[in-house]
């Protein structure tokens, strides 16, 4: 599986999905939406290309394109209200929602973030944490950088 908020989806995300699809027979790409991080980002960057509707379109496009390699399944998981007392997102509460979709057998969890390893080991102990392009050498970009350079985004740079 590969999951995220994808605010927005970009070529680095697509690279990770394609890598997973080339290495696996079946890949679930999960769009987590409605969370605290998303709410804050949308307050700061109220752009149409960050809406959940637009991200669903991007998710579908990425999954269709990666389907040349494997069975790639888009999944939407609503995490509205799953927050810790301090208002931040509660990843532990998200785990059962993922398990409801994927079951209890996961071979690999894909990401580009080493810091996610501790959580993945706890949440999906049977799965390998497969790191892809951690140093951002293939696509040196992040969602934060894209949001901060909106004028380039609107001209099509980095977007999928």
Foldseek 3Di string as FASTA:
>chain_A
DEEDQPQPPFPVNLVQLLVVLQVDQEEEYEHEDQALVLVVLCVVQVDPCRDPVNRVVVQVVSQVVSVVRHHYHYHYDYQRPQADPVRHHDVVVCLVVVCVVVPLDDAAYEDLDPVCVVVCCVSNVNYHYHHDCVVCPVHVDDSVRCSVPVVVVVVPPRHD
